Every structure is written in structure tokens, then in C-alpha cells.
Amino acid sequence: MNPILLGNLISFAGAFLMVVIGLIKRKEKVLAVQCVQFSLMGIGNLVLGGVTGALSNLISLVRNLICYKFGITIPLKLMFIAVQAGLSLWVNTQGLIGLLPVLAAIIFTWFLDIKSDLGMKILLIGTQCLWLVYDFTIMNYVSFAFDIMCLCANGVGIYRIRKSERA
């Protein structure tokens, strides 16, 4: 099977979950569903030659599992950021574009302990914009389209949070 088609098919399943995450209000549920999403998206990125994207997804999966189970501390954040940056710089063959998933993961990791569900949505939107550019560049067109839908879904999530705060 054509690698572009296969990578996009695998990414489709992960991308669907990514949009669903935008509609989830509670941070804990977001982290749990992200674990499945990261697995699928990582495999899709690897098939498409997006090594830093695949690595970013793998490290983010481990980070979320640890955070979900034990919480996150500053030393853990720094460890995940160092591992993310070090390994990604080592395997990056895509120049500046290859650094976008790394930057997204570093930003997300640093702010992962944000308490506000609204703040989590804003964080997801900011980091998703970096993935949008990366996915388009590596021809992960399914993920690119879903990145746009994810941005919209998180916008709806923000609206729902704000609406429930006013009620």
C-alpha cells in the first residue's frame, strides 16, 4: 500500500479522537483519550516519514500516562522537556519544520498542570496550530484537516465552558 495513503488512514483514527478531545470539558478525560490519539498519530507520522512527530507523540504518551497516574512536578516536566528536546534534535532531518512538534510538546508539557479547563482548551489551541503547519508539510493531509476541526472543536469547548460558568 502507498505510504502516504497508509499514513493518512492511520492518522484518520487518531485525528478523529483529536477532534473528540476538543469537545471534552474535563482535563483528566482529555489526558486519557490523548493517550490513544498519540499512539495512532505517532504510527501515522512514522509511516509518513515524520520522525520527530512520531517521537513527540511517543514521549507525550508516556508523559500523559505518568501525569494521569501520579501528577506532574517541575522535575518531571523538566525531564520530559529535556528528553523531548534532546531526542528530537538528534533524529530531526526536517530542519525547522521538524522542530514544530517538539515545540508543541514542550509548551504543552510546561503548562500541563494548568488547573483551569478553559486554560487547557487555550493551550490545546496554541499547540495545535504548530501541528497544523507540521502536518501539512509532511503531507499528513487527514491530520491537517482534522487540525482545523480540532481548533473549531476546542473553540466550541471554550464556548461551552464559558456558558456553564455563567449559568
N, C-alpha and C. Protein backbone atom coordinates (compact mmCIF):
# COMPACT_ATOMS: atom_id res chain seq x y z
N MET A 1 0.85 -1.18 0.00
CA MET A 1 0.00 0.00 0.00
C MET A 1 0.89 1.24 0.00
N ASN A 2 0.44 2.27 -0.64
CA ASN A 2 1.14 3.55 -0.72
C ASN A 2 1.33 4.13 0.69
N PRO A 3 2.58 4.50 1.06
CA PRO A 3 2.82 5.01 2.42
C PRO A 3 2.03 6.28 2.75
N ILE A 4 1.82 7.14 1.77
CA ILE A 4 1.05 8.36 2.04
C ILE A 4 -0.39 8.00 2.38
N LEU A 5 -0.96 7.06 1.64
CA LEU A 5 -2.33 6.62 1.90
C LEU A 5 -2.41 5.91 3.25
N LEU A 6 -1.48 4.98 3.50
CA LEU A 6 -1.49 4.24 4.75
C LEU A 6 -1.31 5.16 5.95
N GLY A 7 -0.34 6.07 5.87
CA GLY A 7 -0.10 7.01 6.97
C GLY A 7 -1.31 7.88 7.24
N ASN A 8 -1.98 8.30 6.17
CA ASN A 8 -3.17 9.14 6.34
C ASN A 8 -4.35 8.34 6.89
N LEU A 9 -4.45 7.06 6.52
CA LEU A 9 -5.53 6.23 7.07
C LEU A 9 -5.35 6.01 8.58
N ILE A 10 -4.13 5.72 8.98
CA ILE A 10 -3.86 5.52 10.41
C ILE A 10 -4.09 6.84 11.16
N SER A 11 -3.64 7.92 10.56
CA SER A 11 -3.80 9.23 11.19
C SER A 11 -5.27 9.62 11.32
N PHE A 12 -6.10 9.11 10.41
CA PHE A 12 -7.52 9.43 10.46
C PHE A 12 -8.14 9.04 11.80
N ALA A 13 -7.82 7.83 12.26
CA ALA A 13 -8.39 7.36 13.53
C ALA A 13 -7.92 8.25 14.68
N GLY A 14 -6.63 8.56 14.71
CA GLY A 14 -6.11 9.44 15.76
C GLY A 14 -6.67 10.84 15.65
N ALA A 15 -6.82 11.32 14.43
CA ALA A 15 -7.34 12.67 14.22
C ALA A 15 -8.80 12.78 14.66
N PHE A 16 -9.57 11.72 14.45
CA PHE A 16 -10.95 11.72 14.91
C PHE A 16 -10.99 11.90 16.43
N LEU A 17 -10.13 11.17 17.13
CA LEU A 17 -10.07 11.31 18.59
C LEU A 17 -9.62 12.71 19.00
N MET A 18 -8.74 13.29 18.20
CA MET A 18 -8.25 14.64 18.49
C MET A 18 -9.41 15.65 18.49
N VAL A 19 -10.31 15.49 17.55
CA VAL A 19 -11.47 16.40 17.49
C VAL A 19 -12.41 16.12 18.66
N VAL A 20 -12.62 14.85 18.98
CA VAL A 20 -13.47 14.50 20.11
C VAL A 20 -12.92 15.12 21.40
N ILE A 21 -11.60 15.14 21.54
CA ILE A 21 -10.96 15.73 22.71
C ILE A 21 -11.36 17.19 22.86
N GLY A 22 -11.51 17.88 21.73
CA GLY A 22 -11.91 19.28 21.78
C GLY A 22 -13.26 19.50 22.43
N LEU A 23 -14.09 18.47 22.42
CA LEU A 23 -15.43 18.60 22.99
C LEU A 23 -15.49 18.15 24.45
N ILE A 24 -14.43 17.53 24.94
CA ILE A 24 -14.39 17.05 26.33
C ILE A 24 -14.03 18.21 27.24
N LYS A 25 -14.81 18.40 28.29
CA LYS A 25 -14.58 19.54 29.19
C LYS A 25 -13.54 19.27 30.26
N ARG A 26 -13.46 18.04 30.77
CA ARG A 26 -12.59 17.75 31.92
C ARG A 26 -11.19 17.34 31.49
N LYS A 27 -10.22 17.97 32.11
CA LYS A 27 -8.80 17.76 31.79
C LYS A 27 -8.40 16.30 31.91
N GLU A 28 -8.86 15.60 32.95
CA GLU A 28 -8.47 14.21 33.18
C GLU A 28 -8.90 13.33 32.01
N LYS A 29 -10.10 13.55 31.51
CA LYS A 29 -10.59 12.77 30.37
C LYS A 29 -9.81 13.12 29.11
N VAL A 30 -9.45 14.39 28.95
CA VAL A 30 -8.64 14.82 27.81
C VAL A 30 -7.34 14.03 27.79
N LEU A 31 -6.66 13.95 28.93
CA LEU A 31 -5.37 13.25 29.00
C LEU A 31 -5.51 11.77 28.68
N ALA A 32 -6.58 11.15 29.14
CA ALA A 32 -6.79 9.72 28.90
C ALA A 32 -7.03 9.44 27.40
N VAL A 33 -7.89 10.20 26.78
CA VAL A 33 -8.19 9.99 25.36
C VAL A 33 -6.97 10.36 24.50
N GLN A 34 -6.21 11.34 24.95
CA GLN A 34 -5.00 11.71 24.22
C GLN A 34 -4.01 10.55 24.11
N CYS A 35 -3.98 9.68 25.08
CA CYS A 35 -3.04 8.55 25.03
C CYS A 35 -3.31 7.67 23.81
N VAL A 36 -4.56 7.38 23.53
CA VAL A 36 -4.92 6.60 22.36
C VAL A 36 -4.61 7.41 21.10
N GLN A 37 -4.97 8.67 21.12
CA GLN A 37 -4.70 9.55 19.98
C GLN A 37 -3.21 9.59 19.65
N PHE A 38 -2.38 9.79 20.68
CA PHE A 38 -0.93 9.86 20.47
C PHE A 38 -0.39 8.59 19.84
N SER A 39 -0.90 7.44 20.26
CA SER A 39 -0.44 6.17 19.69
C SER A 39 -0.72 6.11 18.19
N LEU A 40 -1.94 6.41 17.83
CA LEU A 40 -2.32 6.35 16.41
C LEU A 40 -1.60 7.41 15.58
N MET A 41 -1.55 8.62 16.09
CA MET A 41 -0.90 9.70 15.35
C MET A 41 0.60 9.44 15.20
N GLY A 42 1.21 8.86 16.23
CA GLY A 42 2.63 8.54 16.15
C GLY A 42 2.93 7.54 15.06
N ILE A 43 2.11 6.51 14.98
CA ILE A 43 2.29 5.50 13.93
C ILE A 43 2.09 6.13 12.56
N GLY A 44 1.05 6.95 12.43
CA GLY A 44 0.79 7.63 11.16
C GLY A 44 1.95 8.53 10.75
N ASN A 45 2.48 9.29 11.70
CA ASN A 45 3.63 10.16 11.40
C ASN A 45 4.84 9.35 10.98
N LEU A 46 5.08 8.24 11.64
CA LEU A 46 6.24 7.40 11.32
C LEU A 46 6.13 6.86 9.89
N VAL A 47 4.94 6.39 9.53
CA VAL A 47 4.73 5.88 8.17
C VAL A 47 4.98 6.98 7.13
N LEU A 48 4.64 8.22 7.47
CA LEU A 48 4.81 9.35 6.55
C LEU A 48 6.21 9.96 6.60
N GLY A 49 7.09 9.40 7.41
CA GLY A 49 8.45 9.92 7.50
C GLY A 49 8.61 11.05 8.49
N GLY A 50 7.59 11.32 9.27
CA GLY A 50 7.65 12.38 10.27
C GLY A 50 8.21 11.85 11.57
N VAL A 51 9.52 11.66 11.61
CA VAL A 51 10.17 11.02 12.76
C VAL A 51 10.00 11.86 14.03
N THR A 52 10.21 13.18 13.94
CA THR A 52 10.07 13.99 15.15
C THR A 52 8.62 14.03 15.63
N GLY A 53 7.69 13.99 14.70
CA GLY A 53 6.28 13.94 15.08
C GLY A 53 5.95 12.64 15.80
N ALA A 54 6.48 11.51 15.28
CA ALA A 54 6.25 10.21 15.91
C ALA A 54 6.89 10.18 17.29
N LEU A 55 8.12 10.68 17.39
CA LEU A 55 8.82 10.71 18.67
C LEU A 55 8.08 11.60 19.67
N SER A 56 7.62 12.74 19.21
CA SER A 56 6.87 13.65 20.07
C SER A 56 5.61 12.98 20.61
N ASN A 57 4.92 12.24 19.75
CA ASN A 57 3.72 11.53 20.20
C ASN A 57 4.05 10.45 21.21
N LEU A 58 5.14 9.72 21.00
CA LEU A 58 5.54 8.67 21.94
C LEU A 58 5.88 9.25 23.31
N ILE A 59 6.69 10.29 23.32
CA ILE A 59 7.07 10.91 24.60
C ILE A 59 5.85 11.52 25.28
N SER A 60 4.96 12.12 24.50
CA SER A 60 3.75 12.71 25.07
C SER A 60 2.83 11.64 25.65
N LEU A 61 2.79 10.48 25.03
CA LEU A 61 2.01 9.37 25.55
C LEU A 61 2.52 8.96 26.93
N VAL A 62 3.83 8.77 27.05
CA VAL A 62 4.43 8.40 28.34
C VAL A 62 4.18 9.50 29.37
N ARG A 63 4.35 10.76 28.95
CA ARG A 63 4.13 11.89 29.85
C ARG A 63 2.69 11.89 30.37
N ASN A 64 1.73 11.70 29.49
CA ASN A 64 0.33 11.71 29.91
C ASN A 64 0.00 10.56 30.85
N LEU A 65 0.56 9.38 30.58
CA LEU A 65 0.31 8.24 31.46
C LEU A 65 0.83 8.52 32.86
N ILE A 66 2.04 9.07 32.94
CA ILE A 66 2.62 9.39 34.25
C ILE A 66 1.82 10.50 34.93
N CYS A 67 1.47 11.52 34.17
CA CYS A 67 0.71 12.64 34.73
C CYS A 67 -0.66 12.18 35.21
N TYR A 68 -1.31 11.35 34.41
CA TYR A 68 -2.65 10.87 34.75
C TYR A 68 -2.61 10.03 36.03
N LYS A 69 -1.57 9.22 36.16
CA LYS A 69 -1.47 8.30 37.29
C LYS A 69 -0.91 8.97 38.55
N PHE A 70 0.13 9.81 38.39
CA PHE A 70 0.85 10.33 39.55
C PHE A 70 0.84 11.85 39.67
N GLY A 71 0.41 12.55 38.66
CA GLY A 71 0.52 14.00 38.65
C GLY A 71 1.86 14.42 38.05
N ILE A 72 2.03 15.71 37.86
CA ILE A 72 3.27 16.19 37.24
C ILE A 72 3.93 17.20 38.16
N THR A 73 5.22 17.09 38.27
CA THR A 73 6.01 18.01 39.09
C THR A 73 6.97 18.77 38.18
N ILE A 74 7.57 19.82 38.71
CA ILE A 74 8.53 20.57 37.90
C ILE A 74 9.71 19.69 37.48
N PRO A 75 10.28 18.86 38.37
CA PRO A 75 11.36 17.98 37.90
C PRO A 75 10.92 17.03 36.78
N LEU A 76 9.69 16.49 36.87
CA LEU A 76 9.19 15.64 35.79
C LEU A 76 9.02 16.43 34.50
N LYS A 77 8.48 17.63 34.61
CA LYS A 77 8.33 18.48 33.42
C LYS A 77 9.68 18.70 32.76
N LEU A 78 10.67 19.09 33.57
CA LEU A 78 11.99 19.36 33.03
C LEU A 78 12.61 18.11 32.41
N MET A 79 12.38 16.95 33.02
CA MET A 79 12.89 15.72 32.45
C MET A 79 12.24 15.43 31.09
N PHE A 80 10.91 15.55 31.02
CA PHE A 80 10.23 15.29 29.75
C PHE A 80 10.65 16.30 28.68
N ILE A 81 10.80 17.54 29.07
CA ILE A 81 11.23 18.57 28.11
C ILE A 81 12.63 18.27 27.61
N ALA A 82 13.54 17.89 28.51
CA ALA A 82 14.91 17.58 28.12
C ALA A 82 14.96 16.36 27.20
N VAL A 83 14.22 15.32 27.54
CA VAL A 83 14.19 14.12 26.70
C VAL A 83 13.59 14.46 25.33
N GLN A 84 12.50 15.20 25.34
CA GLN A 84 11.83 15.60 24.10
C GLN A 84 12.79 16.39 23.21
N ALA A 85 13.40 17.41 23.78
CA ALA A 85 14.29 18.27 23.00
C ALA A 85 15.53 17.50 22.53
N GLY A 86 16.16 16.77 23.45
CA GLY A 86 17.38 16.05 23.09
C GLY A 86 17.17 15.02 22.01
N LEU A 87 16.20 14.13 22.21
CA LEU A 87 15.96 13.09 21.21
C LEU A 87 15.48 13.67 19.88
N SER A 88 14.64 14.68 19.94
CA SER A 88 14.13 15.27 18.71
C SER A 88 15.22 15.97 17.92
N LEU A 89 16.09 16.67 18.60
CA LEU A 89 17.21 17.31 17.90
C LEU A 89 18.13 16.26 17.28
N TRP A 90 18.27 15.14 17.94
CA TRP A 90 19.13 14.07 17.46
C TRP A 90 18.58 13.42 16.19
N VAL A 91 17.25 13.20 16.13
CA VAL A 91 16.65 12.49 14.99
C VAL A 91 16.09 13.41 13.91
N ASN A 92 16.03 14.70 14.17
CA ASN A 92 15.42 15.63 13.23
C ASN A 92 16.19 15.71 11.92
N THR A 93 15.48 15.44 10.84
CA THR A 93 16.06 15.59 9.50
C THR A 93 15.26 16.58 8.66
N GLN A 94 14.32 17.27 9.31
CA GLN A 94 13.41 18.15 8.59
C GLN A 94 13.66 19.63 8.86
N GLY A 95 14.75 19.97 9.48
CA GLY A 95 15.06 21.37 9.75
C GLY A 95 14.07 21.99 10.72
N LEU A 96 13.75 23.26 10.47
CA LEU A 96 12.85 23.99 11.38
C LEU A 96 11.46 23.36 11.47
N ILE A 97 10.97 22.82 10.36
CA ILE A 97 9.64 22.19 10.36
C ILE A 97 9.62 21.02 11.35
N GLY A 98 10.70 20.26 11.40
CA GLY A 98 10.79 19.12 12.30
C GLY A 98 10.78 19.52 13.76
N LEU A 99 11.03 20.79 14.05
CA LEU A 99 11.03 21.25 15.43
C LEU A 99 9.64 21.66 15.92
N LEU A 100 8.68 21.80 15.02
CA LEU A 100 7.33 22.23 15.43
C LEU A 100 6.66 21.26 16.40
N PRO A 101 6.69 19.94 16.15
CA PRO A 101 6.10 19.03 17.14
C PRO A 101 6.82 19.08 18.48
N VAL A 102 8.12 19.30 18.44
CA VAL A 102 8.92 19.39 19.66
C VAL A 102 8.48 20.61 20.46
N LEU A 103 8.37 21.73 19.78
CA LEU A 103 7.95 22.97 20.43
C LEU A 103 6.54 22.81 21.02
N ALA A 104 5.64 22.20 20.26
CA ALA A 104 4.28 21.98 20.75
C ALA A 104 4.29 21.11 22.01
N ALA A 105 5.08 20.05 21.99
CA ALA A 105 5.14 19.16 23.16
C ALA A 105 5.77 19.84 24.36
N ILE A 106 6.80 20.66 24.13
CA ILE A 106 7.46 21.36 25.23
C ILE A 106 6.50 22.36 25.87
N ILE A 107 5.81 23.12 25.05
CA ILE A 107 4.84 24.09 25.57
C ILE A 107 3.74 23.37 26.34
N PHE A 108 3.21 22.30 25.76
CA PHE A 108 2.13 21.56 26.40
C PHE A 108 2.61 20.97 27.73
N THR A 109 3.81 20.41 27.73
CA THR A 109 4.35 19.81 28.95
C THR A 109 4.52 20.86 30.04
N TRP A 110 5.05 22.02 29.68
CA TRP A 110 5.30 23.04 30.70
C TRP A 110 4.00 23.51 31.36
N PHE A 111 2.93 23.61 30.57
CA PHE A 111 1.67 24.12 31.10
C PHE A 111 0.67 23.01 31.43
N LEU A 112 1.11 21.77 31.44
CA LEU A 112 0.22 20.63 31.67
C LEU A 112 -0.49 20.67 33.01
N ASP A 113 0.11 21.29 34.00
CA ASP A 113 -0.52 21.32 35.33
C ASP A 113 -1.49 22.48 35.50
N ILE A 114 -1.85 23.10 34.41
CA ILE A 114 -2.82 24.19 34.46
C ILE A 114 -4.12 23.66 35.09
N LYS A 115 -4.67 24.40 35.99
CA LYS A 115 -5.85 23.94 36.74
C LYS A 115 -7.16 24.19 36.00
N SER A 116 -7.19 25.21 35.22
CA SER A 116 -8.41 25.64 34.55
C SER A 116 -8.71 24.80 33.30
N ASP A 117 -9.96 24.33 33.20
CA ASP A 117 -10.38 23.63 31.98
C ASP A 117 -10.31 24.59 30.78
N LEU A 118 -10.66 25.84 31.01
CA LEU A 118 -10.58 26.85 29.96
C LEU A 118 -9.12 27.06 29.52
N GLY A 119 -8.23 27.15 30.49
CA GLY A 119 -6.81 27.28 30.18
C GLY A 119 -6.29 26.11 29.37
N MET A 120 -6.77 24.90 29.69
CA MET A 120 -6.37 23.70 28.94
C MET A 120 -6.81 23.81 27.49
N LYS A 121 -8.01 24.31 27.27
CA LYS A 121 -8.50 24.48 25.89
C LYS A 121 -7.64 25.49 25.12
N ILE A 122 -7.29 26.57 25.76
CA ILE A 122 -6.44 27.58 25.12
C ILE A 122 -5.07 26.99 24.80
N LEU A 123 -4.54 26.20 25.71
CA LEU A 123 -3.27 25.52 25.49
C LEU A 123 -3.36 24.57 24.30
N LEU A 124 -4.44 23.81 24.22
CA LEU A 124 -4.63 22.89 23.11
C LEU A 124 -4.69 23.63 21.77
N ILE A 125 -5.36 24.77 21.75
CA ILE A 125 -5.44 25.55 20.52
C ILE A 125 -4.06 26.05 20.09
N GLY A 126 -3.31 26.59 21.05
CA GLY A 126 -1.98 27.11 20.72
C GLY A 126 -1.04 26.05 20.17
N THR A 127 -1.01 24.90 20.83
CA THR A 127 -0.11 23.86 20.36
C THR A 127 -0.61 23.20 19.08
N GLN A 128 -1.92 23.16 18.90
CA GLN A 128 -2.48 22.57 17.68
C GLN A 128 -2.08 23.37 16.45
N CYS A 129 -1.92 24.66 16.59
CA CYS A 129 -1.51 25.49 15.45
C CYS A 129 -0.13 25.06 14.93
N LEU A 130 0.77 24.67 15.83
CA LEU A 130 2.09 24.19 15.42
C LEU A 130 1.98 22.87 14.66
N TRP A 131 1.12 21.99 15.13
CA TRP A 131 0.90 20.71 14.44
C TRP A 131 0.25 20.93 13.08
N LEU A 132 -0.58 21.92 12.96
CA LEU A 132 -1.25 22.22 11.69
C LEU A 132 -0.21 22.43 10.58
N VAL A 133 0.78 23.25 10.86
CA VAL A 133 1.84 23.53 9.89
C VAL A 133 2.66 22.26 9.62
N TYR A 134 3.02 21.55 10.66
CA TYR A 134 3.82 20.32 10.51
C TYR A 134 3.09 19.28 9.67
N ASP A 135 1.82 19.02 10.01
CA ASP A 135 1.07 18.00 9.29
C ASP A 135 0.95 18.32 7.81
N PHE A 136 0.72 19.56 7.48
CA PHE A 136 0.63 19.94 6.06
C PHE A 136 1.96 19.69 5.37
N THR A 137 3.05 20.03 6.04
CA THR A 137 4.38 19.89 5.45
C THR A 137 4.75 18.44 5.17
N ILE A 138 4.37 17.51 6.05
CA ILE A 138 4.74 16.10 5.82
C ILE A 138 3.67 15.34 5.03
N MET A 139 2.72 16.08 4.47
CA MET A 139 1.64 15.52 3.64
C MET A 139 0.69 14.64 4.43
N ASN A 140 0.53 14.93 5.70
CA ASN A 140 -0.45 14.25 6.52
C ASN A 140 -1.75 15.07 6.41
N TYR A 141 -2.34 14.98 5.23
CA TYR A 141 -3.48 15.84 4.90
C TYR A 141 -4.70 15.55 5.75
N VAL A 142 -4.88 14.31 6.14
CA VAL A 142 -6.01 13.97 7.01
C VAL A 142 -5.83 14.69 8.35
N SER A 143 -4.64 14.60 8.91
CA SER A 143 -4.40 15.27 10.19
C SER A 143 -4.51 16.78 10.04
N PHE A 144 -4.05 17.31 8.93
CA PHE A 144 -4.16 18.75 8.69
C PHE A 144 -5.62 19.19 8.72
N ALA A 145 -6.47 18.46 8.01
CA ALA A 145 -7.90 18.79 8.00
C ALA A 145 -8.49 18.67 9.41
N PHE A 146 -8.09 17.62 10.11
CA PHE A 146 -8.59 17.43 11.46
C PHE A 146 -8.00 18.44 12.44
N ASP A 147 -6.79 18.93 12.16
CA ASP A 147 -6.23 20.01 12.99
C ASP A 147 -7.18 21.21 12.96
N ILE A 148 -7.68 21.52 11.78
CA ILE A 148 -8.62 22.64 11.64
C ILE A 148 -9.90 22.34 12.41
N MET A 149 -10.40 21.11 12.27
CA MET A 149 -11.62 20.74 13.01
C MET A 149 -11.38 20.76 14.51
N CYS A 150 -10.19 20.35 14.92
CA CYS A 150 -9.83 20.35 16.35
C CYS A 150 -9.82 21.78 16.89
N LEU A 151 -9.28 22.70 16.12
CA LEU A 151 -9.29 24.10 16.54
C LEU A 151 -10.73 24.58 16.73
N CYS A 152 -11.60 24.20 15.80
CA CYS A 152 -13.01 24.58 15.91
C CYS A 152 -13.67 23.90 17.11
N ALA A 153 -13.40 22.61 17.31
CA ALA A 153 -13.99 21.87 18.44
C ALA A 153 -13.55 22.47 19.77
N ASN A 154 -12.28 22.85 19.87
CA ASN A 154 -11.82 23.48 21.11
C ASN A 154 -12.47 24.84 21.30
N GLY A 155 -12.74 25.53 20.20
CA GLY A 155 -13.49 26.78 20.29
C GLY A 155 -14.88 26.53 20.85
N VAL A 156 -15.53 25.46 20.40
CA VAL A 156 -16.84 25.09 20.93
C VAL A 156 -16.71 24.71 22.40
N GLY A 157 -15.64 23.98 22.73
CA GLY A 157 -15.39 23.61 24.13
C GLY A 157 -15.25 24.85 25.01
N ILE A 158 -14.55 25.85 24.52
CA ILE A 158 -14.39 27.11 25.27
C ILE A 158 -15.75 27.78 25.45
N TYR A 159 -16.55 27.79 24.40
CA TYR A 159 -17.89 28.37 24.48
C TYR A 159 -18.72 27.64 25.54
N ARG A 160 -18.67 26.30 25.53
CA ARG A 160 -19.45 25.50 26.49
C ARG A 160 -18.98 25.75 27.93
N ILE A 161 -17.69 25.86 28.11
CA ILE A 161 -17.15 26.14 29.46
C ILE A 161 -17.62 27.51 29.94
N ARG A 162 -17.48 28.50 29.06
CA ARG A 162 -17.91 29.86 29.42
C ARG A 162 -19.41 29.91 29.71
N LYS A 163 -20.18 29.21 28.90
CA LYS A 163 -21.64 29.19 29.09
C LYS A 163 -22.00 28.55 30.42
N SER A 164 -21.32 27.45 30.78
CA SER A 164 -21.63 26.79 32.06
C SER A 164 -21.16 27.63 33.25
N GLU A 165 -20.12 28.44 33.07
CA GLU A 165 -19.65 29.33 34.14
C GLU A 165 -20.67 30.43 34.41
N ARG A 166 -21.37 30.85 33.36
CA ARG A 166 -22.38 31.93 33.51
C ARG A 166 -23.67 31.42 34.09
N ALA A 167 -23.91 30.12 33.96
CA ALA A 167 -25.19 29.54 34.44
C ALA A 167 -25.22 29.37 35.94
